[in-house]
Amino acid sequence: MKTPAPDQPSFRVLKVRLSIRAPGYDAAPDRTKVEMNLTRALFKIMFVCLERTLKYQHG
């Protein structure tokens, strides 16, 4: 079972991908704010799931 440390770069890659997928958001600050909030919520969910998975697998 891997420790969480090696997985962290993949989160960074995901963040970069999300920012690349939104080329026109610089013109709309409100949409950027919304996207930031959605991204933050997504990462919270992902980290909670990862934490629970690790706890479950380690018993």
C-alpha atoms as a PDB file:
ATOM      1  CA  MET A   1       0.000   0.000   0.000  1.00  0.00           C
ATOM      2  CA  LYS A   2       1.387   3.386  -0.997  1.00  0.00           C
ATOM      3  CA  THR A   3       1.693   6.244   1.459  1.00  0.00           C
ATOM      4  CA  PRO A   4      -0.160   9.468   0.536  1.00  0.00           C
ATOM      5  CA  ALA A   5       3.099  11.304  -0.289  1.00  0.00           C
ATOM      6  CA  PRO A   6       3.629   9.852  -3.824  1.00  0.00           C
ATOM      7  CA  ASP A   7       0.047  10.761  -4.748  1.00  0.00           C
ATOM      8  CA  GLN A   8       0.474  14.484  -4.083  1.00  0.00           C
ATOM      9  CA  PRO A   9       2.123  15.339  -7.454  1.00  0.00           C
ATOM     10  CA  SER A  10      -0.933  13.911  -9.235  1.00  0.00           C
ATOM     11  CA  PHE A  11      -3.108  16.452  -7.408  1.00  0.00           C
ATOM     12  CA  ARG A  12      -0.814  19.188  -8.696  1.00  0.00           C
ATOM     13  CA  VAL A  13      -1.122  17.808 -12.227  1.00  0.00           C
ATOM     14  CA  LEU A  14      -4.916  17.814 -11.874  1.00  0.00           C
ATOM     15  CA  LYS A  15      -4.828  21.440 -10.713  1.00  0.00           C
ATOM     16  CA  VAL A  16      -2.719  22.388 -13.733  1.00  0.00           C
ATOM     17  CA  ARG A  17      -5.092  20.529 -16.061  1.00  0.00           C
ATOM     18  CA  LEU A  18      -8.083  22.338 -14.577  1.00  0.00           C
ATOM     19  CA  SER A  19      -6.421  25.718 -15.098  1.00  0.00           C
ATOM     20  CA  ILE A  20      -5.454  24.799 -18.679  1.00  0.00           C
ATOM     21  CA  ARG A  21      -9.019  23.721 -19.469  1.00  0.00           C
ATOM     22  CA  ALA A  22     -10.312  27.211 -18.627  1.00  0.00           C
ATOM     23  CA  PRO A  23      -8.657  29.573 -21.146  1.00  0.00           C
ATOM     24  CA  GLY A  24     -11.353  32.268 -21.219  1.00  0.00           C
ATOM     25  CA  TYR A  25     -11.791  32.638 -17.457  1.00  0.00           C
ATOM     26  CA  ASP A  26      -9.313  35.526 -17.171  1.00  0.00           C
ATOM     27  CA  ALA A  27     -11.917  37.776 -18.804  1.00  0.00           C
ATOM     28  CA  ALA A  28     -14.572  36.775 -16.242  1.00  0.00           C
ATOM     29  CA  PRO A  29     -13.371  37.125 -12.609  1.00  0.00           C
ATOM     30  CA  ASP A  30     -16.684  35.845 -11.208  1.00  0.00           C
ATOM     31  CA  ARG A  31     -16.382  32.607 -13.146  1.00  0.00           C
ATOM     32  CA  THR A  32     -12.820  32.216 -11.891  1.00  0.00           C
ATOM     33  CA  LYS A  33     -14.067  32.583  -8.314  1.00  0.00           C
ATOM     34  CA  VAL A  34     -16.755  29.986  -8.919  1.00  0.00           C
ATOM     35  CA  GLU A  35     -14.234  27.618 -10.496  1.00  0.00           C
ATOM     36  CA  MET A  36     -11.847  28.107  -7.561  1.00  0.00           C
ATOM     37  CA  ASN A  37     -14.619  27.258  -5.094  1.00  0.00           C
ATOM     38  CA  LEU A  38     -15.633  24.186  -7.086  1.00  0.00           C
ATOM     39  CA  THR A  39     -12.007  23.075  -7.334  1.00  0.00           C
ATOM     40  CA  ARG A  40     -11.527  23.565  -3.603  1.00  0.00           C
ATOM     41  CA  ALA A  41     -14.652  21.518  -2.859  1.00  0.00           C
ATOM     42  CA  LEU A  42     -13.487  18.806  -5.262  1.00  0.00           C
ATOM     43  CA  PHE A  43     -10.086  18.578  -3.565  1.00  0.00           C
ATOM     44  CA  LYS A  44     -11.716  18.415  -0.119  1.00  0.00           C
ATOM     45  CA  ILE A  45     -13.879  15.503  -1.274  1.00  0.00           C
ATOM     46  CA  MET A  46     -10.905  13.772  -2.889  1.00  0.00           C
ATOM     47  CA  PHE A  47      -8.730  14.128   0.210  1.00  0.00           C
ATOM     48  CA  VAL A  48     -11.520  12.863   2.483  1.00  0.00           C
ATOM     49  CA  CYS A  49     -12.031   9.838   0.219  1.00  0.00           C
ATOM     50  CA  LEU A  50      -8.283   9.183   0.090  1.00  0.00           C
ATOM     51  CA  GLU A  51      -8.027   9.458   3.874  1.00  0.00           C
ATOM     52  CA  ARG A  52     -10.930   7.068   4.418  1.00  0.00           C
ATOM     53  CA  THR A  53      -9.509   4.606   1.884  1.00  0.00           C
ATOM     54  CA  LEU A  54      -6.124   4.616   3.608  1.00  0.00           C
ATOM     55  CA  LYS A  55      -7.728   4.183   7.042  1.00  0.00           C
ATOM     56  CA  TYR A  56      -9.905   1.358   5.728  1.00  0.00           C
ATOM     57  CA  GLN A  57      -7.034  -0.492   4.051  1.00  0.00           C
ATOM     58  CA  HIS A  58      -4.726  -0.167   7.062  1.00  0.00           C
ATOM     59  CA  GLY A  59      -7.469  -1.452   9.332  1.00  0.00           C
END
